[in-house]
């Protein structure tokens, strides 16, 4: 028979440790082997997650209903329109007799030239300043050509070009030769009293 004093020593500690290890091994084998022994690979339905999913779907539908139920997203109820008052038709005046249509006179051409400015004359070709940029910055016309309502009739080198614009004929000078400062301040006249007539 084993004495109680020997169980309190190393032998007792060893037996207790072995029993704990055996219990741990049995628990581990049962936990790992339980799915293999049942044979069915289907998982048991998780009722808690299903209930949470259903609750989530209900909350989502409630949020959508609240969003759609706001007054800002409803069209206002149309107010009933009042019936228009009856207005008797006004009697028509008799139509005037047809007169012969008056001939419309074409507009007179302006007295001064209103087209693009002349910038160069080269032979029978004249250049005018265009409204665009690049190739459209310069309008080049030869005698008899027309572009944008401007027609070059002829050139008189080096300073004049005859053009037609808006139904009028114009002589365009390339350079201005006016010198108004001579008229504004004329030089003083000199006395020729000291000259004597000689036979």
N, C-alpha and C. Protein backbone atom coordinates (compact mmCIF):
# COMPACT_ATOMS: atom_id res chain seq x y z
N UNK A 1 0.84 -1.18 0.00
CA UNK A 1 0.00 0.00 0.00
C UNK A 1 0.88 1.23 0.00
N UNK A 2 0.38 2.28 -0.72
CA UNK A 2 1.18 3.49 -0.87
C UNK A 2 0.91 4.40 0.31
N UNK A 3 1.93 4.85 0.87
CA UNK A 3 1.79 5.74 2.01
C UNK A 3 1.46 7.15 1.54
N UNK A 4 0.80 7.90 2.41
CA UNK A 4 0.39 9.27 2.06
C UNK A 4 1.57 10.20 1.97
N UNK A 5 2.63 9.89 2.62
CA UNK A 5 3.80 10.75 2.56
C UNK A 5 4.46 10.68 1.21
N UNK A 6 4.39 9.49 0.59
CA UNK A 6 5.01 9.36 -0.73
C UNK A 6 4.22 10.08 -1.81
N UNK A 7 2.88 10.21 -1.61
CA UNK A 7 2.05 10.92 -2.59
C UNK A 7 2.30 12.42 -2.55
N UNK A 8 2.76 12.89 -1.42
CA UNK A 8 3.03 14.31 -1.32
C UNK A 8 4.37 14.67 -1.93
N UNK A 9 5.12 13.73 -2.30
CA UNK A 9 6.45 13.99 -2.85
C UNK A 9 6.43 14.03 -4.36
N UNK A 10 7.55 13.65 -4.96
CA UNK A 10 7.65 13.70 -6.43
C UNK A 10 6.71 12.74 -7.13
N UNK A 11 6.40 11.64 -6.52
CA UNK A 11 5.51 10.68 -7.15
C UNK A 11 4.11 11.27 -7.31
N UNK A 12 3.63 11.96 -6.33
CA UNK A 12 2.31 12.59 -6.40
C UNK A 12 2.24 13.67 -7.47
N UNK A 13 3.29 14.46 -7.52
CA UNK A 13 3.33 15.53 -8.55
C UNK A 13 3.36 14.92 -9.96
N UNK A 14 4.08 13.86 -10.13
CA UNK A 14 4.16 13.21 -11.45
C UNK A 14 2.82 12.64 -11.86
N UNK A 15 2.11 12.01 -10.95
CA UNK A 15 0.81 11.42 -11.27
C UNK A 15 -0.21 12.52 -11.62
N UNK A 16 -0.17 13.61 -10.90
CA UNK A 16 -1.09 14.71 -11.18
C UNK A 16 -0.80 15.32 -12.56
N UNK A 17 0.46 15.47 -12.90
CA UNK A 17 0.81 16.04 -14.21
C UNK A 17 0.40 15.10 -15.33
N UNK A 18 0.58 13.75 -15.12
CA UNK A 18 0.21 12.78 -16.16
C UNK A 18 -1.31 12.81 -16.36
N UNK A 19 -2.07 12.88 -15.29
CA UNK A 19 -3.54 12.91 -15.42
C UNK A 19 -4.02 14.19 -16.14
N UNK A 20 -3.38 15.31 -15.88
CA UNK A 20 -3.74 16.55 -16.58
C UNK A 20 -3.43 16.43 -18.07
N UNK A 21 -2.29 15.83 -18.41
CA UNK A 21 -1.91 15.67 -19.83
C UNK A 21 -2.88 14.74 -20.53
N UNK A 22 -3.27 13.62 -19.85
CA UNK A 22 -4.22 12.67 -20.46
C UNK A 22 -5.56 13.36 -20.70
N UNK A 23 -6.06 14.15 -19.75
CA UNK A 23 -7.33 14.86 -19.94
C UNK A 23 -7.25 15.87 -21.10
N UNK A 24 -6.14 16.57 -21.20
CA UNK A 24 -5.96 17.54 -22.29
C UNK A 24 -5.95 16.86 -23.66
N UNK A 25 -5.26 15.67 -23.74
CA UNK A 25 -5.22 14.92 -25.00
C UNK A 25 -6.60 14.43 -25.39
N UNK A 26 -7.38 13.94 -24.43
CA UNK A 26 -8.74 13.45 -24.73
C UNK A 26 -9.60 14.61 -25.23
N UNK A 27 -9.50 15.79 -24.62
CA UNK A 27 -10.30 16.95 -25.05
C UNK A 27 -9.90 17.42 -26.45
N UNK A 28 -8.59 17.39 -26.73
CA UNK A 28 -8.11 17.82 -28.05
C UNK A 28 -8.56 16.86 -29.14
N UNK A 29 -8.44 15.57 -28.90
CA UNK A 29 -8.84 14.57 -29.90
C UNK A 29 -10.34 14.66 -30.15
N UNK A 30 -11.13 14.83 -29.11
CA UNK A 30 -12.59 14.91 -29.30
C UNK A 30 -12.98 16.18 -30.08
N UNK A 31 -12.27 17.28 -29.82
CA UNK A 31 -12.60 18.52 -30.52
C UNK A 31 -12.22 18.44 -31.99
N UNK A 32 -11.03 17.91 -32.27
CA UNK A 32 -10.57 17.83 -33.66
C UNK A 32 -11.31 16.74 -34.41
N UNK A 33 -11.60 15.64 -33.79
CA UNK A 33 -12.21 14.52 -34.49
C UNK A 33 -13.71 14.59 -34.60
N UNK A 34 -14.36 15.49 -33.89
CA UNK A 34 -15.83 15.56 -33.92
C UNK A 34 -16.35 15.84 -35.32
N UNK A 35 -15.81 16.81 -36.08
CA UNK A 35 -16.33 16.99 -37.43
C UNK A 35 -16.06 15.81 -38.36
N UNK A 36 -14.94 15.12 -38.14
CA UNK A 36 -14.62 13.97 -39.00
C UNK A 36 -15.51 12.78 -38.69
N UNK A 37 -15.88 12.63 -37.43
CA UNK A 37 -16.71 11.49 -37.04
C UNK A 37 -18.17 11.68 -37.41
N UNK A 38 -18.64 12.95 -37.47
CA UNK A 38 -20.04 13.17 -37.83
C UNK A 38 -20.29 12.84 -39.29
N UNK A 39 -19.30 13.03 -40.16
CA UNK A 39 -19.42 12.64 -41.57
C UNK A 39 -20.11 13.66 -42.44
N UNK A 40 -20.87 14.55 -41.93
CA UNK A 40 -21.56 15.55 -42.76
C UNK A 40 -20.73 16.83 -42.75
N UNK A 41 -20.41 17.33 -43.95
CA UNK A 41 -19.61 18.55 -44.07
C UNK A 41 -20.44 19.82 -43.97
N UNK A 42 -21.78 19.68 -43.82
CA UNK A 42 -22.62 20.86 -43.74
C UNK A 42 -22.51 21.49 -42.37
N UNK A 43 -22.44 22.77 -42.37
CA UNK A 43 -22.37 23.49 -41.12
C UNK A 43 -23.77 23.67 -40.56
N UNK A 44 -23.83 23.67 -39.27
CA UNK A 44 -25.12 23.89 -38.62
C UNK A 44 -25.55 25.33 -38.87
N UNK A 45 -26.83 25.56 -39.11
CA UNK A 45 -27.28 26.93 -39.37
C UNK A 45 -27.07 27.81 -38.15
N UNK A 46 -26.57 29.00 -38.45
CA UNK A 46 -26.30 29.95 -37.38
C UNK A 46 -27.51 30.88 -37.27
N UNK A 47 -28.33 30.61 -36.30
CA UNK A 47 -29.57 31.37 -36.17
C UNK A 47 -29.31 32.80 -35.72
N UNK A 48 -28.24 33.01 -34.98
CA UNK A 48 -27.96 34.37 -34.50
C UNK A 48 -27.57 35.29 -35.65
N UNK A 49 -26.70 34.80 -36.58
CA UNK A 49 -26.31 35.65 -37.72
C UNK A 49 -27.50 35.87 -38.65
N UNK A 50 -28.36 34.86 -38.79
CA UNK A 50 -29.55 35.05 -39.65
C UNK A 50 -30.47 36.12 -39.08
N UNK A 51 -30.63 36.09 -37.76
CA UNK A 51 -31.50 37.10 -37.16
C UNK A 51 -30.89 38.50 -37.30
N UNK A 52 -29.56 38.60 -37.20
CA UNK A 52 -28.91 39.91 -37.38
C UNK A 52 -29.06 40.40 -38.82
N UNK A 53 -28.96 39.49 -39.80
CA UNK A 53 -29.14 39.88 -41.20
C UNK A 53 -30.57 40.38 -41.45
N UNK A 54 -31.54 39.66 -40.88
CA UNK A 54 -32.93 40.10 -41.04
C UNK A 54 -33.16 41.47 -40.41
N UNK A 55 -32.56 41.67 -39.23
CA UNK A 55 -32.70 42.96 -38.56
C UNK A 55 -32.05 44.08 -39.38
N UNK A 56 -30.89 43.79 -39.99
CA UNK A 56 -30.22 44.78 -40.85
C UNK A 56 -31.10 45.16 -42.05
N UNK A 57 -31.69 44.14 -42.68
CA UNK A 57 -32.55 44.42 -43.84
C UNK A 57 -33.76 45.27 -43.45
N UNK A 58 -34.31 45.00 -42.27
CA UNK A 58 -35.45 45.81 -41.82
C UNK A 58 -35.04 47.27 -41.60
N UNK A 59 -33.87 47.45 -40.96
CA UNK A 59 -33.40 48.82 -40.73
C UNK A 59 -33.11 49.54 -42.05
N UNK A 60 -32.54 48.83 -43.03
CA UNK A 60 -32.26 49.45 -44.32
C UNK A 60 -33.54 49.87 -45.02
N UNK A 61 -34.56 49.02 -44.99
CA UNK A 61 -35.84 49.38 -45.59
C UNK A 61 -36.47 50.57 -44.86
N UNK A 62 -36.31 50.62 -43.55
CA UNK A 62 -36.84 51.73 -42.78
C UNK A 62 -36.14 53.04 -43.15
N UNK A 63 -34.80 52.99 -43.32
CA UNK A 63 -34.05 54.19 -43.71
C UNK A 63 -34.46 54.68 -45.10
N UNK A 64 -34.65 53.77 -46.04
CA UNK A 64 -35.07 54.15 -47.40
C UNK A 64 -36.46 54.78 -47.35
N UNK A 65 -37.35 54.19 -46.54
CA UNK A 65 -38.70 54.75 -46.43
C UNK A 65 -38.67 56.14 -45.80
N UNK A 66 -37.80 56.34 -44.81
CA UNK A 66 -37.69 57.67 -44.20
C UNK A 66 -37.14 58.68 -45.20
N UNK A 67 -36.14 58.25 -46.00
CA UNK A 67 -35.55 59.16 -46.99
C UNK A 67 -36.58 59.54 -48.06
N UNK A 68 -37.31 58.56 -48.55
CA UNK A 68 -38.31 58.85 -49.58
C UNK A 68 -39.52 59.59 -49.02
N UNK A 69 -39.74 59.50 -47.73
CA UNK A 69 -40.90 60.14 -47.13
C UNK A 69 -40.70 61.59 -46.77
N UNK A 70 -39.54 62.14 -47.00
CA UNK A 70 -39.31 63.55 -46.68
C UNK A 70 -40.11 64.43 -47.62
N UNK A 71 -40.55 65.59 -47.12
CA UNK A 71 -41.40 66.46 -47.92
C UNK A 71 -40.64 67.11 -49.06
N UNK A 72 -39.32 67.26 -48.91
CA UNK A 72 -38.55 67.91 -49.97
C UNK A 72 -38.51 67.06 -51.23
N UNK A 73 -38.79 65.77 -51.11
CA UNK A 73 -38.71 64.89 -52.25
C UNK A 73 -40.08 64.57 -52.83
N UNK A 74 -41.14 65.23 -52.36
CA UNK A 74 -42.46 65.04 -52.91
C UNK A 74 -42.82 66.22 -53.79
N UNK A 75 -43.48 65.97 -54.89
CA UNK A 75 -44.00 67.06 -55.70
C UNK A 75 -45.19 67.68 -54.98
N UNK A 76 -45.28 69.00 -54.97
CA UNK A 76 -46.41 69.62 -54.26
C UNK A 76 -47.73 69.27 -54.93
N UNK A 77 -48.75 69.26 -54.14
CA UNK A 77 -50.08 68.94 -54.66
C UNK A 77 -50.52 70.11 -55.54
N UNK A 78 -50.90 69.85 -56.78
CA UNK A 78 -51.28 70.96 -57.65
C UNK A 78 -52.55 71.64 -57.16
N UNK A 79 -52.53 72.96 -57.20
CA UNK A 79 -53.70 73.73 -56.80
C UNK A 79 -54.71 73.71 -57.93
N UNK A 80 -55.96 73.69 -57.58
CA UNK A 80 -56.97 73.69 -58.65
C UNK A 80 -56.94 75.02 -59.40
N UNK A 81 -56.92 74.93 -60.70
CA UNK A 81 -56.90 76.14 -61.52
C UNK A 81 -58.30 76.68 -61.71
N UNK A 82 -58.35 77.99 -61.72
CA UNK A 82 -59.64 78.63 -61.96
C UNK A 82 -59.95 78.57 -63.45
N UNK A 83 -61.20 78.38 -63.73
CA UNK A 83 -61.61 78.35 -65.13
C UNK A 83 -61.45 79.74 -65.73
N UNK A 84 -60.86 79.85 -66.91
CA UNK A 84 -60.69 81.18 -67.49
C UNK A 84 -62.04 81.81 -67.80
N UNK A 85 -62.06 83.13 -67.62
CA UNK A 85 -63.29 83.86 -67.91
C UNK A 85 -63.51 83.90 -69.42
N UNK A 86 -64.76 83.82 -69.79
CA UNK A 86 -65.09 83.84 -71.21
C UNK A 86 -64.98 85.28 -71.72
N UNK A 87 -64.15 85.44 -72.72
CA UNK A 87 -63.98 86.75 -73.36
C UNK A 87 -64.51 86.61 -74.79
N UNK A 88 -65.51 87.40 -75.12
CA UNK A 88 -66.05 87.27 -76.48
C UNK A 88 -64.99 87.70 -77.49
N UNK A 89 -64.95 87.03 -78.62
CA UNK A 89 -63.96 87.40 -79.64
C UNK A 89 -64.24 88.78 -80.21
N UNK A 90 -63.17 89.51 -80.44
CA UNK A 90 -63.32 90.85 -81.01
C UNK A 90 -63.58 90.73 -82.50
N UNK A 91 -64.46 91.55 -83.03
CA UNK A 91 -64.73 91.46 -84.47
C UNK A 91 -63.51 91.92 -85.26
N UNK A 92 -63.24 91.22 -86.32
CA UNK A 92 -62.09 91.55 -87.16
C UNK A 92 -62.43 92.72 -88.05
N UNK A 93 -61.43 93.53 -88.22
CA UNK A 93 -61.59 94.64 -89.15
C UNK A 93 -61.47 94.11 -90.57
N UNK A 94 -62.19 94.71 -91.47
CA UNK A 94 -62.07 94.22 -92.86
C UNK A 94 -60.65 94.44 -93.37
N UNK A 95 -60.17 93.44 -94.07
CA UNK A 95 -58.80 93.53 -94.59
C UNK A 95 -58.72 94.59 -95.68
N UNK A 96 -57.69 95.39 -95.64
CA UNK A 96 -57.58 96.41 -96.70
C UNK A 96 -57.30 95.75 -98.05
N UNK A 97 -57.71 96.46 -99.05
CA UNK A 97 -57.50 95.93 -100.40
C UNK A 97 -56.01 95.87 -100.70
N UNK A 98 -55.68 94.85 -101.45
CA UNK A 98 -54.25 94.68 -101.79
C UNK A 98 -53.82 95.79 -102.72
N UNK A 99 -52.79 96.48 -102.31
CA UNK A 99 -52.18 97.50 -103.16
C UNK A 99 -50.94 96.91 -103.81
N UNK A 100 -50.54 97.52 -104.84
CA UNK A 100 -49.32 97.06 -105.49
C UNK A 100 -48.15 97.26 -104.53
N UNK A 101 -47.32 96.25 -104.41
CA UNK A 101 -46.19 96.40 -103.48
C UNK A 101 -45.24 97.49 -103.96
N UNK A 102 -44.86 98.30 -102.99
CA UNK A 102 -43.94 99.37 -103.34
C UNK A 102 -42.54 98.79 -103.52
N UNK A 103 -41.88 99.30 -104.50
CA UNK A 103 -40.53 98.82 -104.76
C UNK A 103 -39.61 99.34 -103.66
N UNK A 104 -38.90 98.42 -103.09
CA UNK A 104 -37.97 98.78 -102.01
C UNK A 104 -36.65 99.19 -102.66
N UNK A 105 -36.27 100.38 -102.36
CA UNK A 105 -35.01 100.87 -102.92
C UNK A 105 -33.85 100.27 -102.14
N UNK A 106 -32.82 99.86 -102.85
CA UNK A 106 -31.67 99.32 -102.13
C UNK A 106 -31.01 100.43 -101.31
N UNK A 107 -30.41 100.06 -100.19
CA UNK A 107 -29.79 101.10 -99.37
C UNK A 107 -28.63 101.76 -100.11
N UNK A 108 -28.50 103.03 -99.86
CA UNK A 108 -27.42 103.77 -100.53
C UNK A 108 -26.09 103.41 -99.90
N UNK A 109 -25.06 103.37 -100.70
CA UNK A 109 -23.75 103.04 -100.13
C UNK A 109 -23.27 104.18 -99.23
N UNK A 110 -22.50 103.86 -98.20
CA UNK A 110 -22.00 104.92 -97.32
C UNK A 110 -21.05 105.85 -98.07
N UNK A 111 -20.99 107.10 -97.60
CA UNK A 111 -20.14 108.09 -98.28
C UNK A 111 -18.67 107.80 -98.06
N UNK A 112 -18.33 107.22 -96.93
CA UNK A 112 -16.93 106.90 -96.67
C UNK A 112 -16.76 105.38 -96.63
N UNK A 113 -15.56 104.93 -96.92
CA UNK A 113 -15.25 103.50 -96.94
C UNK A 113 -15.30 102.94 -95.53
N UNK A 114 -16.04 101.81 -95.33
CA UNK A 114 -16.23 101.22 -94.01
C UNK A 114 -15.63 99.82 -93.91
N UNK A 115 -14.88 99.38 -94.91
CA UNK A 115 -14.35 98.01 -94.92
C UNK A 115 -13.01 97.88 -94.23
N UNK A 116 -12.35 96.73 -94.41
CA UNK A 116 -11.05 96.51 -93.79
C UNK A 116 -10.00 97.46 -94.36
N UNK A 117 -9.04 97.90 -93.55
CA UNK A 117 -8.05 98.88 -94.02
C UNK A 117 -7.06 98.27 -95.00
N UNK A 118 -6.62 99.11 -95.93
CA UNK A 118 -5.61 98.71 -96.92
C UNK A 118 -4.24 98.76 -96.25
N UNK A 119 -3.43 97.67 -96.42
CA UNK A 119 -2.12 97.67 -95.78
C UNK A 119 -0.97 97.53 -96.77
N UNK A 120 -1.23 97.06 -98.00
CA UNK A 120 -0.12 96.93 -98.96
C UNK A 120 -0.68 96.81 -100.37
N UNK A 121 0.14 97.26 -101.35
CA UNK A 121 -0.17 97.10 -102.77
C UNK A 121 1.07 96.50 -103.42
N UNK A 122 0.89 95.34 -104.07
CA UNK A 122 2.00 94.68 -104.77
C UNK A 122 1.50 94.35 -106.17
N UNK A 123 1.91 95.12 -107.17
CA UNK A 123 1.46 94.89 -108.55
C UNK A 123 -0.04 95.09 -108.65
N UNK A 124 -0.73 94.06 -109.20
CA UNK A 124 -2.19 94.15 -109.31
C UNK A 124 -2.87 93.47 -108.12
N UNK A 125 -2.16 93.32 -107.03
CA UNK A 125 -2.69 92.68 -105.83
C UNK A 125 -2.68 93.68 -104.68
N UNK A 126 -3.76 93.68 -103.91
CA UNK A 126 -3.86 94.55 -102.74
C UNK A 126 -4.12 93.70 -101.52
N UNK A 127 -3.52 94.09 -100.40
CA UNK A 127 -3.68 93.36 -99.14
C UNK A 127 -4.46 94.24 -98.17
N UNK A 128 -5.41 93.60 -97.49
CA UNK A 128 -6.23 94.28 -96.50
C UNK A 128 -6.12 93.55 -95.17
N UNK A 129 -6.31 94.27 -94.08
CA UNK A 129 -6.22 93.66 -92.76
C UNK A 129 -7.51 92.90 -92.47
N UNK A 130 -7.36 91.59 -92.15
CA UNK A 130 -8.52 90.75 -91.85
C UNK A 130 -8.89 90.81 -90.38
N UNK A 131 -9.93 90.04 -90.03
CA UNK A 131 -10.42 90.07 -88.64
C UNK A 131 -9.88 88.91 -87.82
N UNK A 132 -9.32 87.88 -88.44
CA UNK A 132 -8.87 86.70 -87.70
C UNK A 132 -7.39 86.74 -87.42
N UNK A 133 -6.82 85.53 -87.26
CA UNK A 133 -5.39 85.40 -87.03
C UNK A 133 -4.87 84.32 -87.96
N UNK A 134 -3.57 84.27 -88.14
CA UNK A 134 -2.98 83.29 -89.04
C UNK A 134 -3.23 83.67 -90.49
N UNK A 135 -3.78 82.73 -91.26
CA UNK A 135 -4.06 83.01 -92.67
C UNK A 135 -5.19 84.03 -92.85
N UNK A 136 -6.09 84.12 -91.86
CA UNK A 136 -7.20 85.06 -91.96
C UNK A 136 -6.84 86.47 -91.53
N UNK A 137 -5.59 86.68 -91.10
CA UNK A 137 -5.19 88.02 -90.64
C UNK A 137 -5.03 88.98 -91.82
N UNK A 138 -4.79 88.46 -93.02
CA UNK A 138 -4.59 89.30 -94.20
C UNK A 138 -5.52 88.82 -95.31
N UNK A 139 -6.24 89.75 -95.94
CA UNK A 139 -7.10 89.43 -97.09
C UNK A 139 -6.33 89.86 -98.34
N UNK A 140 -5.99 88.93 -99.21
CA UNK A 140 -5.23 89.23 -100.43
C UNK A 140 -6.17 89.12 -101.63
N UNK A 141 -6.28 90.20 -102.38
CA UNK A 141 -7.17 90.23 -103.54
C UNK A 141 -6.40 90.68 -104.77
N UNK A 142 -6.64 90.02 -105.89
CA UNK A 142 -6.14 90.48 -107.18
C UNK A 142 -7.26 91.25 -107.87
N UNK A 143 -6.94 91.94 -108.92
CA UNK A 143 -7.93 92.74 -109.64
C UNK A 143 -9.07 91.83 -110.11
N UNK A 144 -10.31 92.20 -109.75
CA UNK A 144 -11.49 91.44 -110.14
C UNK A 144 -11.92 90.40 -109.12
N UNK A 145 -11.13 90.13 -108.10
CA UNK A 145 -11.50 89.15 -107.08
C UNK A 145 -12.36 89.80 -105.99
N UNK A 146 -13.21 88.96 -105.34
CA UNK A 146 -14.08 89.45 -104.28
C UNK A 146 -14.02 88.49 -103.11
N UNK A 147 -14.02 89.05 -101.90
CA UNK A 147 -14.01 88.24 -100.69
C UNK A 147 -14.62 89.05 -99.56
N UNK A 148 -15.57 88.43 -98.84
CA UNK A 148 -16.24 89.07 -97.70
C UNK A 148 -16.90 90.39 -98.10
N UNK A 149 -17.48 90.48 -99.29
CA UNK A 149 -18.17 91.68 -99.73
C UNK A 149 -17.24 92.79 -100.21
N UNK A 150 -15.95 92.50 -100.32
CA UNK A 150 -14.96 93.49 -100.76
C UNK A 150 -14.40 93.03 -102.10
N UNK A 151 -14.46 93.92 -103.13
CA UNK A 151 -13.97 93.57 -104.46
C UNK A 151 -12.92 94.58 -104.89
N UNK A 152 -11.79 94.08 -105.36
CA UNK A 152 -10.72 94.94 -105.85
C UNK A 152 -10.95 95.19 -107.34
N UNK A 153 -11.13 96.46 -107.70
CA UNK A 153 -11.35 96.82 -109.10
C UNK A 153 -10.01 96.95 -109.81
N UNK A 154 -9.13 97.78 -109.28
CA UNK A 154 -7.81 97.97 -109.90
C UNK A 154 -6.88 98.59 -108.88
N UNK A 155 -5.61 98.62 -109.22
CA UNK A 155 -4.61 99.26 -108.36
C UNK A 155 -3.87 100.30 -109.17
N UNK A 156 -3.47 101.36 -108.53
CA UNK A 156 -2.63 102.38 -109.14
C UNK A 156 -1.39 102.48 -108.27
N UNK A 157 -0.35 101.81 -108.71
CA UNK A 157 0.86 101.78 -107.88
C UNK A 157 1.45 103.17 -107.79
N UNK A 158 2.05 103.48 -106.70
CA UNK A 158 2.22 102.66 -105.50
C UNK A 158 1.26 103.03 -104.39
N UNK A 159 0.30 103.95 -104.65
CA UNK A 159 -0.43 104.48 -103.49
C UNK A 159 -1.94 104.31 -103.51
N UNK A 160 -2.60 103.91 -104.59
CA UNK A 160 -4.06 103.87 -104.61
C UNK A 160 -4.57 102.50 -105.03
N UNK A 161 -5.76 102.15 -104.46
CA UNK A 161 -6.46 100.93 -104.87
C UNK A 161 -7.93 101.29 -105.01
N UNK A 162 -8.55 100.90 -106.13
CA UNK A 162 -9.97 101.13 -106.37
C UNK A 162 -10.73 99.87 -105.94
N UNK A 163 -11.69 100.05 -105.03
CA UNK A 163 -12.44 98.91 -104.51
C UNK A 163 -13.93 99.19 -104.56
N UNK A 164 -14.70 98.11 -104.50
CA UNK A 164 -16.15 98.19 -104.35
C UNK A 164 -16.52 97.51 -103.04
N UNK A 165 -17.31 98.24 -102.21
CA UNK A 165 -17.71 97.70 -100.91
C UNK A 165 -19.09 98.26 -100.58
N UNK A 166 -20.03 97.37 -100.27
CA UNK A 166 -21.41 97.75 -99.93
C UNK A 166 -22.05 98.59 -101.03
N UNK A 167 -21.78 98.25 -102.25
CA UNK A 167 -22.41 98.92 -103.38
C UNK A 167 -21.79 100.24 -103.76
N UNK A 168 -20.69 100.63 -103.17
CA UNK A 168 -20.05 101.91 -103.49
C UNK A 168 -18.63 101.69 -104.01
N UNK A 169 -18.17 102.64 -104.82
CA UNK A 169 -16.80 102.61 -105.35
C UNK A 169 -15.96 103.59 -104.55
N UNK A 170 -14.78 103.14 -104.15
CA UNK A 170 -13.91 103.96 -103.32
C UNK A 170 -12.48 103.86 -103.82
N UNK A 171 -11.77 104.99 -103.75
CA UNK A 171 -10.34 105.03 -104.04
C UNK A 171 -9.63 105.10 -102.69
N UNK A 172 -8.90 104.05 -102.36
CA UNK A 172 -8.25 103.98 -101.06
C UNK A 172 -6.78 104.37 -101.20
N UNK A 173 -6.32 105.39 -100.46
CA UNK A 173 -4.90 105.73 -100.49
C UNK A 173 -4.14 104.81 -99.53
N UNK A 174 -2.96 104.37 -99.93
CA UNK A 174 -2.12 103.57 -99.05
C UNK A 174 -1.42 104.44 -98.03
N UNK A 175 -1.02 105.64 -98.46
CA UNK A 175 -0.35 106.58 -97.56
C UNK A 175 -1.12 107.90 -97.58
N UNK A 176 -1.10 108.60 -96.48
CA UNK A 176 -1.68 109.95 -96.45
C UNK A 176 -0.55 110.94 -96.64
N UNK A 177 -0.80 111.91 -97.51
CA UNK A 177 0.25 112.90 -97.81
C UNK A 177 -0.13 114.27 -97.27
N UNK A 178 -1.04 114.31 -96.35
CA UNK A 178 -1.45 115.59 -95.79
C UNK A 178 -0.38 116.08 -94.82
N UNK A 179 -0.08 117.34 -94.91
CA UNK A 179 0.88 117.95 -93.99
C UNK A 179 0.25 119.23 -93.45
N UNK A 180 -0.66 119.12 -92.51
CA UNK A 180 -1.40 120.29 -92.05
C UNK A 180 -0.54 121.27 -91.26
N UNK A 181 0.64 120.83 -90.80
CA UNK A 181 1.44 121.76 -90.01
C UNK A 181 1.95 122.93 -90.84
N UNK A 182 2.05 122.77 -92.19
CA UNK A 182 2.45 123.89 -93.03
C UNK A 182 1.36 124.96 -93.07
N UNK A 183 0.09 124.52 -93.04
CA UNK A 183 -1.02 125.47 -93.09
C UNK A 183 -1.19 126.16 -91.74
N UNK A 184 -0.97 125.41 -90.69
CA UNK A 184 -1.17 125.98 -89.35
C UNK A 184 -0.14 127.08 -89.06
N UNK A 185 1.10 126.86 -89.38
CA UNK A 185 2.16 127.84 -89.09
C UNK A 185 2.88 128.21 -90.40
N UNK A 186 2.30 129.11 -91.20
CA UNK A 186 2.97 129.45 -92.46
C UNK A 186 4.26 130.26 -92.17
N UNK A 187 5.26 130.07 -93.00
CA UNK A 187 6.52 130.82 -92.78
C UNK A 187 6.30 132.32 -93.03
N UNK A 188 7.08 133.18 -92.38
CA UNK A 188 6.90 134.63 -92.59
C UNK A 188 7.33 135.03 -94.00
N UNK A 189 6.59 135.97 -94.55
CA UNK A 189 6.94 136.45 -95.90
C UNK A 189 8.15 137.39 -95.82
N UNK A 190 9.00 137.38 -96.84
CA UNK A 190 10.22 138.22 -96.85
C UNK A 190 9.99 139.45 -97.74
N UNK A 191 10.70 140.53 -97.41
CA UNK A 191 10.64 141.77 -98.20
C UNK A 191 11.65 141.70 -99.34
N UNK A 192 11.21 142.10 -100.51
CA UNK A 192 12.15 142.15 -101.65
C UNK A 192 12.39 143.58 -102.10
N UNK A 193 12.39 144.58 -101.13
CA UNK A 193 12.62 145.98 -101.45
C UNK A 193 14.07 146.25 -101.86
N UNK A 194 14.98 145.39 -101.42
CA UNK A 194 16.38 145.68 -101.72
C UNK A 194 16.79 145.30 -103.13
N UNK A 195 15.89 144.61 -103.86
CA UNK A 195 16.21 144.23 -105.23
C UNK A 195 15.94 145.42 -106.16
N UNK A 196 16.78 145.57 -107.15
CA UNK A 196 16.62 146.66 -108.12
C UNK A 196 16.52 146.05 -109.52
N UNK A 197 15.68 146.68 -110.32
CA UNK A 197 15.53 146.19 -111.68
C UNK A 197 16.74 146.67 -112.51
N UNK A 198 17.23 145.78 -113.30
CA UNK A 198 18.41 146.08 -114.15
C UNK A 198 18.05 145.80 -115.60
N UNK A 199 18.44 146.74 -116.48
CA UNK A 199 18.17 146.53 -117.91
C UNK A 199 19.16 145.54 -118.47
